[in-house]
Amino acid sequence: MPHIRPVSDLRNNFADISRIVHETAEPVFLTKNGYGDMVVMSMEAYEKYKLDIMIYEKLKEAALEAKSTDARYDFDEVSKEMREKLIEKL
């Protein structure tokens, strides 16, 4: 169930909101005059959210590329190439 609080709680009950976002890893939705205004989340949850978005975008890009070409890659080839690139960077 989403956590919905008035924006005034950010000032009046900051510690409680901070505890909620860190313990649950879920955002708190803040309202102003009964309407959605802001979302507060922990840094960890935000970083995970950004990573999830990046992964989704890469998968979407790969799906579009797969539809536009018949080229397919062998897992062993790709993993070998990735290992070589990692070794180069080290």
C-alpha atoms as a PDB file:
ATOM      1  CA  MET A   1       0.000   0.000   0.000  1.00  0.00           C
ATOM      2  CA  PRO A   2       1.531   3.359  -0.948  1.00  0.00           C
ATOM      3  CA  HIS A   3       2.560   5.828   1.726  1.00  0.00           C
ATOM      4  CA  ILE A   4       0.703   9.095   1.116  1.00  0.00           C
ATOM      5  CA  ARG A   5       1.317  12.059   3.394  1.00  0.00           C
ATOM      6  CA  PRO A   6       0.635  15.796   3.270  1.00  0.00           C
ATOM      7  CA  VAL A   7       3.650  17.871   2.244  1.00  0.00           C
ATOM      8  CA  SER A   8       3.584  19.571   5.674  1.00  0.00           C
ATOM      9  CA  ASP A   9       4.716  16.229   7.156  1.00  0.00           C
ATOM     10  CA  LEU A  10       8.033  16.730   5.418  1.00  0.00           C
ATOM     11  CA  ARG A  11       8.694  19.614   7.799  1.00  0.00           C
ATOM     12  CA  ASN A  12       6.760  18.396  10.840  1.00  0.00           C
ATOM     13  CA  ASN A  13       7.562  14.657  10.705  1.00  0.00           C
ATOM     14  CA  PHE A  14      10.769  14.444   8.693  1.00  0.00           C
ATOM     15  CA  ALA A  15      12.259  11.692  10.880  1.00  0.00           C
ATOM     16  CA  ASP A  16       9.180   9.518  10.394  1.00  0.00           C
ATOM     17  CA  ILE A  17       9.245   9.959   6.609  1.00  0.00           C
ATOM     18  CA  SER A  18      12.969   9.242   6.544  1.00  0.00           C
ATOM     19  CA  ARG A  19      12.427   6.057   8.566  1.00  0.00           C
ATOM     20  CA  ILE A  20       9.656   4.895   6.208  1.00  0.00           C
ATOM     21  CA  VAL A  21      11.667   5.383   3.005  1.00  0.00           C
ATOM     22  CA  HIS A  22      14.728   3.650   4.448  1.00  0.00           C
ATOM     23  CA  GLU A  23      12.989   0.741   6.157  1.00  0.00           C
ATOM     24  CA  THR A  24      10.552  -0.064   3.359  1.00  0.00           C
ATOM     25  CA  ALA A  25      12.661   1.020   0.349  1.00  0.00           C
ATOM     26  CA  GLU A  26       9.371   2.444  -0.946  1.00  0.00           C
ATOM     27  CA  PRO A  27       8.648   6.071  -1.846  1.00  0.00           C
ATOM     28  CA  VAL A  28       6.427   8.397   0.152  1.00  0.00           C
ATOM     29  CA  PHE A  29       3.987  10.402  -1.953  1.00  0.00           C
ATOM     30  CA  LEU A  30       3.426  13.931  -0.692  1.00  0.00           C
ATOM     31  CA  THR A  31       0.224  15.843  -1.367  1.00  0.00           C
ATOM     32  CA  LYS A  32      -0.486  19.564  -1.407  1.00  0.00           C
ATOM     33  CA  ASN A  33      -4.092  20.702  -1.032  1.00  0.00           C
ATOM     34  CA  GLY A  34      -5.194  17.103  -1.595  1.00  0.00           C
ATOM     35  CA  TYR A  35      -3.321  16.659  -4.883  1.00  0.00           C
ATOM     36  CA  GLY A  36      -0.090  14.802  -5.613  1.00  0.00           C
ATOM     37  CA  ASP A  37       2.906  17.134  -5.402  1.00  0.00           C
ATOM     38  CA  MET A  38       6.161  15.249  -4.737  1.00  0.00           C
ATOM     39  CA  VAL A  39       7.712  11.856  -4.174  1.00  0.00           C
ATOM     40  CA  VAL A  40      10.395  11.249  -1.542  1.00  0.00           C
ATOM     41  CA  MET A  41      12.602   8.161  -1.657  1.00  0.00           C
ATOM     42  CA  SER A  42      15.887   6.963  -0.200  1.00  0.00           C
ATOM     43  CA  MET A  43      19.086   7.375  -2.192  1.00  0.00           C
ATOM     44  CA  GLU A  44      19.397   3.577  -2.424  1.00  0.00           C
ATOM     45  CA  ALA A  45      15.885   3.236  -3.837  1.00  0.00           C
ATOM     46  CA  TYR A  46      16.554   6.070  -6.292  1.00  0.00           C
ATOM     47  CA  GLU A  47      19.787   4.461  -7.524  1.00  0.00           C
ATOM     48  CA  LYS A  48      17.978   1.126  -7.962  1.00  0.00           C
ATOM     49  CA  TYR A  49      15.203   2.922  -9.851  1.00  0.00           C
ATOM     50  CA  LYS A  50      17.746   4.543 -12.189  1.00  0.00           C
ATOM     51  CA  LEU A  51      19.459   1.181 -12.772  1.00  0.00           C
ATOM     52  CA  ASP A  52      16.116  -0.488 -13.527  1.00  0.00           C
ATOM     53  CA  ILE A  53      15.313   2.240 -16.064  1.00  0.00           C
ATOM     54  CA  MET A  54      18.730   1.858 -17.713  1.00  0.00           C
ATOM     55  CA  ILE A  55      18.306  -1.932 -17.966  1.00  0.00           C
ATOM     56  CA  TYR A  56      14.803  -1.510 -19.398  1.00  0.00           C
ATOM     57  CA  GLU A  57      16.093   0.954 -22.013  1.00  0.00           C
ATOM     58  CA  LYS A  58      18.919  -1.416 -23.023  1.00  0.00           C
ATOM     59  CA  LEU A  59      16.507  -4.354 -23.313  1.00  0.00           C
ATOM     60  CA  LYS A  60      14.126  -2.237 -25.380  1.00  0.00           C
ATOM     61  CA  GLU A  61      17.008  -1.208 -27.647  1.00  0.00           C
ATOM     62  CA  ALA A  62      18.092  -4.852 -28.021  1.00  0.00           C
ATOM     63  CA  ALA A  63      14.541  -5.940 -28.868  1.00  0.00           C
ATOM     64  CA  LEU A  64      14.272  -3.266 -31.562  1.00  0.00           C
ATOM     65  CA  GLU A  65      17.638  -4.275 -32.994  1.00  0.00           C
ATOM     66  CA  ALA A  66      16.618  -7.950 -32.981  1.00  0.00           C
ATOM     67  CA  LYS A  67      13.503  -7.071 -34.994  1.00  0.00           C
ATOM     68  CA  SER A  68      15.482  -5.097 -37.560  1.00  0.00           C
ATOM     69  CA  THR A  69      18.237  -7.615 -38.286  1.00  0.00           C
ATOM     70  CA  ASP A  70      18.761 -11.346 -38.672  1.00  0.00           C
ATOM     71  CA  ALA A  71      22.164 -11.220 -36.956  1.00  0.00           C
ATOM     72  CA  ARG A  72      22.371 -13.335 -33.806  1.00  0.00           C
ATOM     73  CA  TYR A  73      25.259 -13.662 -31.364  1.00  0.00           C
ATOM     74  CA  ASP A  74      26.617 -16.800 -29.763  1.00  0.00           C
ATOM     75  CA  PHE A  75      26.878 -16.618 -25.960  1.00  0.00           C
ATOM     76  CA  ASP A  76      30.432 -17.995 -25.930  1.00  0.00           C
ATOM     77  CA  GLU A  77      31.559 -15.411 -28.515  1.00  0.00           C
ATOM     78  CA  VAL A  78      30.008 -12.525 -26.611  1.00  0.00           C
ATOM     79  CA  SER A  79      31.356 -13.615 -23.228  1.00  0.00           C
ATOM     80  CA  LYS A  80      34.851 -14.121 -24.685  1.00  0.00           C
ATOM     81  CA  GLU A  81      34.750 -10.644 -26.246  1.00  0.00           C
ATOM     82  CA  MET A  82      33.549  -9.113 -22.975  1.00  0.00           C
ATOM     83  CA  ARG A  83      36.324 -10.836 -21.006  1.00  0.00           C
ATOM     84  CA  GLU A  84      38.913  -9.500 -23.447  1.00  0.00           C
ATOM     85  CA  LYS A  85      37.546  -5.956 -23.090  1.00  0.00           C
ATOM     86  CA  LEU A  86      37.585  -6.214 -19.298  1.00  0.00           C
ATOM     87  CA  ILE A  87      41.185  -7.450 -19.336  1.00  0.00           C
ATOM     88  CA  GLU A  88      42.148  -4.513 -21.581  1.00  0.00           C
ATOM     89  CA  LYS A  89      40.639  -2.064 -19.085  1.00  0.00           C
ATOM     90  CA  LEU A  90      42.490  -3.632 -16.169  1.00  0.00           C
END
